[in-house]
Protein backbone atom coordinates (compact mmCIF):
# COMPACT_ATOMS: atom_id res chain seq x y z
CA MET A 1 -22.04 -17.73 -6.85
CA VAL A 2 -19.14 -16.83 -4.52
CA ALA A 3 -21.25 -17.82 -1.51
CA ARG A 4 -22.07 -21.19 -3.10
CA ALA A 5 -18.38 -21.82 -3.85
CA MET A 6 -17.43 -20.83 -0.30
CA ASN A 7 -20.02 -23.26 1.12
CA ALA A 8 -18.75 -26.06 -1.10
CA ILE A 9 -15.13 -25.43 -0.16
CA GLY A 10 -16.16 -24.96 3.47
CA SER A 11 -17.55 -28.46 3.49
CA LEU A 12 -13.98 -29.60 2.79
CA GLY A 13 -12.95 -28.27 6.19
CA MET A 14 -11.50 -24.84 5.33
CA ARG A 15 -12.05 -22.06 7.86
CA LYS A 16 -14.53 -19.30 6.97
CA ASP A 17 -11.98 -16.49 7.53
CA HIS A 18 -9.56 -18.19 5.14
CA LEU A 19 -12.30 -18.60 2.56
CA GLU A 20 -13.20 -14.92 2.77
CA ARG A 21 -9.57 -13.95 2.13
CA ILE A 22 -9.52 -16.19 -0.93
CA ALA A 23 -12.84 -14.84 -2.23
CA VAL A 24 -11.69 -11.21 -2.11
CA ALA A 25 -8.18 -10.75 -3.40
CA LYS A 26 -6.69 -7.65 -1.81
CA LYS A 27 -4.55 -5.19 -3.74
CA ARG A 28 -1.06 -4.99 -2.25
CA VAL A 29 -0.10 -1.34 -1.87
CA LEU A 30 3.20 0.02 -0.55
CA PHE A 31 3.59 3.62 0.65
CA VAL A 32 7.16 4.97 0.75
CA CYS A 33 8.59 8.08 2.40
CA THR A 34 11.95 8.90 3.99
CA CYS A 35 11.79 7.64 7.59
CA ALA A 36 8.43 5.80 7.61
CA GLN A 37 7.38 7.72 10.70
CA ALA A 38 4.68 10.11 9.46
CA ARG A 39 3.53 10.09 5.85
CA SER A 40 3.72 6.44 4.82
CA PRO A 41 2.47 4.97 8.14
CA THR A 42 -0.46 7.40 8.06
CA ALA A 43 -1.29 6.26 4.52
CA GLU A 44 -0.93 2.61 5.54
CA GLU A 45 -3.42 3.10 8.38
CA MET A 46 -5.83 5.08 6.22
CA PHE A 47 -6.00 2.76 3.24
CA SER A 48 -5.69 -0.70 4.79
CA GLY A 49 -9.03 -2.45 4.62
CA ALA A 50 -11.20 -5.08 3.06
CA THR A 51 -9.83 -4.61 -0.46
CA VAL A 52 -6.34 -3.22 0.26
CA GLU A 53 -3.39 -4.70 2.09
CA ALA A 54 -1.16 -1.71 2.70
CA LYS A 55 2.37 -1.51 4.06
CA SER A 56 4.73 1.41 4.65
CA ALA A 57 8.48 1.71 4.40
CA GLY A 58 11.22 4.30 4.36
CA THR A 59 14.32 4.98 2.31
CA SER A 60 16.49 6.18 5.20
CA THR A 61 18.87 3.94 7.13
CA ASP A 62 17.10 5.32 10.24
CA SER A 63 13.75 3.96 9.09
CA PRO A 64 12.24 1.31 11.37
CA ASN A 65 10.91 -0.44 8.25
CA ARG A 66 13.32 0.12 5.38
CA VAL A 67 12.46 -0.50 1.73
CA THR A 68 13.65 -3.89 0.53
CA THR A 69 13.56 -5.75 -2.76
CA GLU A 70 11.09 -8.14 -1.15
CA LEU A 71 8.67 -5.31 -0.30
CA ILE A 72 8.97 -3.86 -3.79
CA ASN A 73 8.25 -7.26 -5.34
CA TRP A 74 5.34 -7.83 -2.93
CA ALA A 75 3.58 -4.59 -3.95
CA GLU A 76 1.28 -4.30 -6.91
CA ILE A 77 1.19 -0.51 -6.59
CA ILE A 78 3.80 1.70 -4.91
CA PHE A 79 3.04 5.26 -3.85
CA ALA A 80 6.21 7.31 -3.38
CA MET A 81 5.69 10.50 -1.40
CA GLU A 82 8.34 12.40 -3.42
CA GLU A 83 10.30 12.00 -6.64
CA LYS A 84 13.47 11.20 -4.65
CA HIS A 85 11.70 8.14 -3.20
CA LYS A 86 10.82 6.95 -6.68
CA GLN A 87 14.47 7.28 -7.71
CA TYR A 88 15.54 5.29 -4.66
CA LEU A 89 13.04 2.52 -5.45
CA ILE A 90 14.34 2.30 -9.02
CA GLU A 91 17.92 2.03 -7.71
CA VAL A 92 16.88 -0.85 -5.46
CA ASP A 93 14.89 -2.60 -8.20
CA ASN A 94 14.83 -1.04 -11.65
CA SER A 95 12.04 -3.35 -12.77
CA SER A 96 9.64 -1.56 -10.38
CA LEU A 97 9.26 1.61 -12.45
CA HIS A 98 5.93 0.56 -13.99
CA LYS A 99 4.18 0.35 -10.61
CA ILE A 100 5.49 3.53 -8.90
CA LEU A 101 3.28 6.60 -8.60
CA VAL A 102 4.57 9.86 -7.08
CA LEU A 103 2.19 11.75 -4.79
CA ASP A 104 4.31 14.92 -4.34
CA ILE A 105 3.61 15.18 -0.62
CA PRO A 106 6.40 17.09 1.17
CA ASP A 107 7.88 16.06 4.52
CA ILE A 108 6.22 18.84 6.55
CA PHE A 109 3.51 16.88 8.36
CA GLY A 110 3.25 14.91 11.57
CA ARG A 111 1.79 11.44 11.77
CA ASN A 112 -2.00 11.44 11.36
CA GLN A 113 -2.06 15.22 11.09
CA PRO A 114 -5.50 16.20 9.66
CA GLU A 115 -3.93 18.15 6.78
CA LEU A 116 -1.79 15.13 5.85
CA ARG A 117 -4.79 12.80 5.99
CA GLN A 118 -6.81 15.12 3.72
CA LEU A 119 -3.92 15.48 1.27
CA LEU A 120 -3.41 11.71 1.13
CA LEU A 121 -7.11 11.18 0.50
CA ASN A 122 -7.11 13.78 -2.28
CA LYS A 123 -4.00 12.34 -3.97
CA VAL A 124 -4.58 8.58 -3.54
CA GLN A 125 -8.33 8.30 -4.09
CA PRO A 126 -8.22 9.16 -7.82
CA TYR A 127 -5.73 6.32 -8.38
CA PHE A 128 -7.91 3.90 -6.41
CA GLU A 129 -10.85 4.89 -8.60
CA LYS A 130 -8.73 4.46 -11.75
CA PHE A 131 -7.70 0.94 -10.66
CA ASN A 132 -11.19 0.07 -9.35
CA ILE A 133 -10.03 -0.26 -5.75
CA GLU A 134 -12.73 0.39 -3.19
């Protein structure tokens, strides 16, 4: 059925890549840590894919990609690495509480460190299963 709809719309002149994006709505997931240099960028890289559009941001003024109201509003699900990140997100936008999940991953890992990757997989995957995200 989706293929038939895509063919019909395609005959109207829309590009195939655009049609594929329309056909599969991605979940918008934001990962937040302190500096956005290790934990959240690792998670962004790991979980970005066909069904997930992931972004990462930090709470620190030194973060290259700092948390903003726009990012919070963009996200459907927000994974905070620690409770202090959740509190920061609520201070920025108190209406975001319902979509914040705390992973309890301490700031002791380097970017893409195998132990961090395994911990992220163990902590995030159950939520993806709960929300039917593949």
